[in-house]
Amino acid sequence: MPYQKHAPVSFSFHLQCSDEILQYARENSIPHHCSQTYVASREDEDVAQKFVGSIEKVVENISNLFLKDEQPMVFTEKDERKFNSAY
C-alpha cells in the first residue's frame, strides 16, 4: 500500500543539434532554444503539463525550421522506374 505521492515540481531538458542547424535558425530568426528549465511557483501547479507544452513548442519550432524552405520534390520518370524496381 503506497503511503507517499510524488508530485513533480520542476523539469529540465536539453536538445542537442548540429552547429549548422543552430546557425541556420539564428540567420532566419527561428526560435532555437536548446535548453529549458522550469520550477513550479506553486505546489498545485501541473508541471507535467508544462513539460509537455514545452516539448510541443520545441517540436513546432523544429518543424518550422525544416519546412520554412520547403520545395517540391523533383521525381523524374527515371527516378520512378528506379524506385519501382527496388522491390
N, C-alpha and C. Protein backbone atom coordinates (compact mmCIF):
# COMPACT_ATOMS: atom_id res chain seq x y z
N MET A 1 0.85 -1.18 0.00
CA MET A 1 0.00 0.00 0.00
C MET A 1 0.90 1.24 0.00
N PRO A 2 0.76 2.09 -1.02
CA PRO A 2 1.61 3.29 -1.07
C PRO A 2 1.23 4.29 0.01
N TYR A 3 2.23 4.97 0.53
CA TYR A 3 1.96 5.95 1.58
C TYR A 3 2.48 7.34 1.21
N GLN A 4 3.10 7.45 0.03
CA GLN A 4 3.58 8.75 -0.41
C GLN A 4 3.12 9.00 -1.85
N LYS A 5 2.92 10.24 -2.17
CA LYS A 5 2.56 10.60 -3.54
C LYS A 5 3.60 11.60 -4.03
N HIS A 6 4.22 11.26 -5.14
CA HIS A 6 5.22 12.15 -5.72
C HIS A 6 4.54 13.16 -6.64
N ALA A 7 4.83 14.40 -6.43
CA ALA A 7 4.32 15.46 -7.29
C ALA A 7 5.51 16.19 -7.89
N PRO A 8 5.69 16.13 -9.23
CA PRO A 8 6.84 16.82 -9.82
C PRO A 8 6.74 18.32 -9.61
N VAL A 9 7.88 18.95 -9.33
CA VAL A 9 7.90 20.39 -9.09
C VAL A 9 8.84 21.12 -10.06
N SER A 10 9.54 20.36 -10.91
CA SER A 10 10.44 21.01 -11.86
C SER A 10 10.80 20.05 -12.99
N PHE A 11 11.36 20.61 -14.04
CA PHE A 11 11.90 19.78 -15.11
C PHE A 11 12.99 20.56 -15.81
N SER A 12 13.79 19.82 -16.55
CA SER A 12 14.85 20.42 -17.34
C SER A 12 15.13 19.50 -18.51
N PHE A 13 15.39 20.08 -19.68
CA PHE A 13 15.79 19.26 -20.81
C PHE A 13 16.74 20.06 -21.69
N HIS A 14 17.50 19.31 -22.48
CA HIS A 14 18.45 19.91 -23.41
C HIS A 14 18.33 19.19 -24.75
N LEU A 15 18.15 19.95 -25.80
CA LEU A 15 18.07 19.40 -27.15
C LEU A 15 19.43 19.58 -27.82
N GLN A 16 20.02 18.49 -28.24
CA GLN A 16 21.32 18.54 -28.91
C GLN A 16 21.11 18.54 -30.41
N CYS A 17 21.70 19.50 -31.09
CA CYS A 17 21.62 19.53 -32.55
C CYS A 17 22.92 20.06 -33.13
N SER A 18 23.05 19.95 -34.43
CA SER A 18 24.30 20.32 -35.08
C SER A 18 24.49 21.83 -35.12
N ASP A 19 25.73 22.25 -35.24
CA ASP A 19 26.05 23.67 -35.34
C ASP A 19 25.43 24.29 -36.59
N GLU A 20 25.33 23.51 -37.67
CA GLU A 20 24.74 24.02 -38.91
C GLU A 20 23.27 24.38 -38.72
N ILE A 21 22.56 23.54 -38.00
CA ILE A 21 21.14 23.80 -37.75
C ILE A 21 20.98 25.04 -36.87
N LEU A 22 21.80 25.15 -35.84
CA LEU A 22 21.74 26.33 -34.97
C LEU A 22 22.03 27.60 -35.75
N GLN A 23 23.04 27.56 -36.61
CA GLN A 23 23.40 28.72 -37.41
C GLN A 23 22.25 29.10 -38.34
N TYR A 24 21.65 28.12 -38.99
CA TYR A 24 20.51 28.37 -39.90
C TYR A 24 19.36 29.01 -39.13
N ALA A 25 19.08 28.49 -37.94
CA ALA A 25 17.98 29.03 -37.13
C ALA A 25 18.27 30.48 -36.75
N ARG A 26 19.50 30.77 -36.34
CA ARG A 26 19.86 32.15 -35.98
C ARG A 26 19.72 33.09 -37.17
N GLU A 27 20.23 32.66 -38.32
CA GLU A 27 20.21 33.50 -39.52
C GLU A 27 18.78 33.79 -40.00
N ASN A 28 17.86 32.88 -39.73
CA ASN A 28 16.49 33.01 -40.20
C ASN A 28 15.51 33.39 -39.09
N SER A 29 16.04 33.84 -37.98
CA SER A 29 15.23 34.30 -36.83
C SER A 29 14.19 33.26 -36.40
N ILE A 30 14.61 32.01 -36.36
CA ILE A 30 13.72 30.94 -35.92
C ILE A 30 14.11 30.60 -34.48
N PRO A 31 13.13 30.55 -33.57
CA PRO A 31 13.46 30.21 -32.19
C PRO A 31 14.21 28.88 -32.13
N HIS A 32 15.27 28.85 -31.36
CA HIS A 32 16.11 27.64 -31.32
C HIS A 32 16.61 27.35 -29.91
N HIS A 33 15.77 27.58 -28.93
CA HIS A 33 16.18 27.34 -27.55
C HIS A 33 16.49 25.86 -27.37
N CYS A 34 17.70 25.57 -26.98
CA CYS A 34 18.14 24.18 -26.85
C CYS A 34 17.98 23.65 -25.44
N SER A 35 17.90 24.53 -24.47
CA SER A 35 17.77 24.09 -23.09
C SER A 35 16.61 24.82 -22.44
N GLN A 36 15.95 24.11 -21.56
CA GLN A 36 14.88 24.75 -20.81
C GLN A 36 14.80 24.12 -19.43
N THR A 37 14.64 24.96 -18.45
CA THR A 37 14.45 24.53 -17.06
C THR A 37 13.25 25.27 -16.51
N TYR A 38 12.45 24.57 -15.75
CA TYR A 38 11.25 25.18 -15.17
C TYR A 38 11.09 24.68 -13.74
N VAL A 39 10.77 25.60 -12.86
CA VAL A 39 10.49 25.26 -11.46
C VAL A 39 9.12 25.85 -11.11
N ALA A 40 8.27 25.03 -10.55
CA ALA A 40 6.92 25.45 -10.21
C ALA A 40 6.93 26.59 -9.19
N SER A 41 6.00 27.51 -9.36
CA SER A 41 5.90 28.61 -8.41
C SER A 41 4.86 28.31 -7.32
N ARG A 42 4.01 27.30 -7.59
CA ARG A 42 3.01 26.88 -6.61
C ARG A 42 3.05 25.37 -6.47
N GLU A 43 2.65 24.88 -5.34
CA GLU A 43 2.67 23.44 -5.09
C GLU A 43 1.66 22.68 -5.95
N ASP A 44 0.54 23.32 -6.28
CA ASP A 44 -0.51 22.64 -7.04
C ASP A 44 -0.38 22.82 -8.55
N GLU A 45 0.74 23.37 -9.01
CA GLU A 45 0.94 23.61 -10.44
C GLU A 45 1.15 22.29 -11.19
N ASP A 46 0.60 22.19 -12.39
CA ASP A 46 0.71 20.99 -13.21
C ASP A 46 2.01 21.05 -14.02
N VAL A 47 3.10 20.64 -13.40
CA VAL A 47 4.42 20.71 -14.01
C VAL A 47 4.52 19.75 -15.20
N ALA A 48 3.87 18.60 -15.11
CA ALA A 48 3.91 17.64 -16.21
C ALA A 48 3.30 18.26 -17.47
N GLN A 49 2.20 18.98 -17.32
CA GLN A 49 1.57 19.63 -18.47
C GLN A 49 2.47 20.74 -19.04
N LYS A 50 3.16 21.47 -18.17
CA LYS A 50 4.12 22.49 -18.62
C LYS A 50 5.23 21.84 -19.43
N PHE A 51 5.70 20.67 -18.97
CA PHE A 51 6.75 19.94 -19.67
C PHE A 51 6.28 19.54 -21.07
N VAL A 52 5.10 18.97 -21.15
CA VAL A 52 4.55 18.55 -22.44
C VAL A 52 4.40 19.77 -23.36
N GLY A 53 3.90 20.87 -22.82
CA GLY A 53 3.76 22.09 -23.62
C GLY A 53 5.10 22.60 -24.13
N SER A 54 6.13 22.51 -23.31
CA SER A 54 7.47 22.94 -23.71
C SER A 54 8.01 22.07 -24.84
N ILE A 55 7.83 20.77 -24.72
CA ILE A 55 8.29 19.85 -25.76
C ILE A 55 7.52 20.10 -27.05
N GLU A 56 6.21 20.33 -26.96
CA GLU A 56 5.41 20.62 -28.16
C GLU A 56 5.92 21.88 -28.86
N LYS A 57 6.28 22.89 -28.08
CA LYS A 57 6.79 24.13 -28.66
C LYS A 57 8.13 23.90 -29.38
N VAL A 58 8.98 23.08 -28.78
CA VAL A 58 10.27 22.75 -29.41
C VAL A 58 10.02 22.01 -30.72
N VAL A 59 9.11 21.05 -30.72
CA VAL A 59 8.79 20.30 -31.93
C VAL A 59 8.24 21.22 -33.01
N GLU A 60 7.39 22.15 -32.63
CA GLU A 60 6.85 23.12 -33.59
C GLU A 60 7.96 23.98 -34.19
N ASN A 61 8.88 24.42 -33.35
CA ASN A 61 10.00 25.24 -33.85
C ASN A 61 10.89 24.44 -34.80
N ILE A 62 11.13 23.18 -34.48
CA ILE A 62 11.93 22.33 -35.37
C ILE A 62 11.21 22.13 -36.69
N SER A 63 9.90 21.89 -36.63
CA SER A 63 9.12 21.74 -37.87
C SER A 63 9.20 23.00 -38.71
N ASN A 64 9.05 24.14 -38.09
CA ASN A 64 9.13 25.41 -38.82
C ASN A 64 10.51 25.60 -39.43
N LEU A 65 11.52 25.16 -38.73
CA LEU A 65 12.89 25.28 -39.22
C LEU A 65 13.07 24.50 -40.52
N PHE A 66 12.56 23.28 -40.56
CA PHE A 66 12.77 22.44 -41.74
C PHE A 66 11.73 22.66 -42.82
N LEU A 67 10.56 23.18 -42.50
CA LEU A 67 9.53 23.39 -43.50
C LEU A 67 9.56 24.79 -44.10
N LYS A 68 10.38 25.66 -43.51
CA LYS A 68 10.41 27.05 -43.97
C LYS A 68 10.78 27.15 -45.44
N ASP A 69 11.76 26.39 -45.86
CA ASP A 69 12.22 26.43 -47.24
C ASP A 69 11.75 25.19 -48.01
N GLU A 70 10.56 24.74 -47.69
CA GLU A 70 10.04 23.53 -48.34
C GLU A 70 9.92 23.75 -49.84
N GLN A 71 10.44 22.80 -50.58
CA GLN A 71 10.38 22.86 -52.03
C GLN A 71 9.84 21.53 -52.54
N PRO A 72 9.12 21.57 -53.66
CA PRO A 72 8.58 20.31 -54.18
C PRO A 72 9.70 19.37 -54.61
N MET A 73 9.46 18.09 -54.43
CA MET A 73 10.44 17.09 -54.80
C MET A 73 10.41 16.89 -56.32
N VAL A 74 11.56 16.82 -56.93
CA VAL A 74 11.65 16.55 -58.37
C VAL A 74 11.84 15.05 -58.51
N PHE A 75 10.86 14.40 -59.11
CA PHE A 75 10.85 12.95 -59.24
C PHE A 75 10.64 12.63 -60.71
N THR A 76 11.72 12.35 -61.41
CA THR A 76 11.65 12.10 -62.86
C THR A 76 11.13 10.69 -63.15
N GLU A 77 10.85 10.42 -64.42
CA GLU A 77 10.40 9.08 -64.81
C GLU A 77 11.50 8.06 -64.51
N LYS A 78 12.75 8.46 -64.73
CA LYS A 78 13.88 7.57 -64.43
C LYS A 78 13.91 7.24 -62.94
N ASP A 79 13.68 8.26 -62.09
CA ASP A 79 13.63 8.04 -60.65
C ASP A 79 12.51 7.08 -60.29
N GLU A 80 11.36 7.24 -60.94
CA GLU A 80 10.21 6.39 -60.65
C GLU A 80 10.51 4.94 -61.05
N ARG A 81 11.13 4.72 -62.21
CA ARG A 81 11.49 3.36 -62.63
C ARG A 81 12.47 2.73 -61.63
N LYS A 82 13.45 3.52 -61.20
CA LYS A 82 14.43 3.03 -60.23
C LYS A 82 13.74 2.66 -58.90
N PHE A 83 12.83 3.52 -58.50
CA PHE A 83 12.10 3.29 -57.25
C PHE A 83 11.28 2.01 -57.36
N ASN A 84 10.53 1.87 -58.46
CA ASN A 84 9.66 0.71 -58.62
C ASN A 84 10.44 -0.59 -58.77
N SER A 85 11.64 -0.52 -59.31
CA SER A 85 12.43 -1.75 -59.49
C SER A 85 13.19 -2.13 -58.22
N ALA A 86 13.12 -1.34 -57.21
CA ALA A 86 13.85 -1.59 -55.98
C ALA A 86 13.16 -2.65 -55.10
N TYR A 87 11.98 -3.08 -55.48
CA TYR A 87 11.25 -4.08 -54.66
C TYR A 87 11.87 -5.42 -54.73
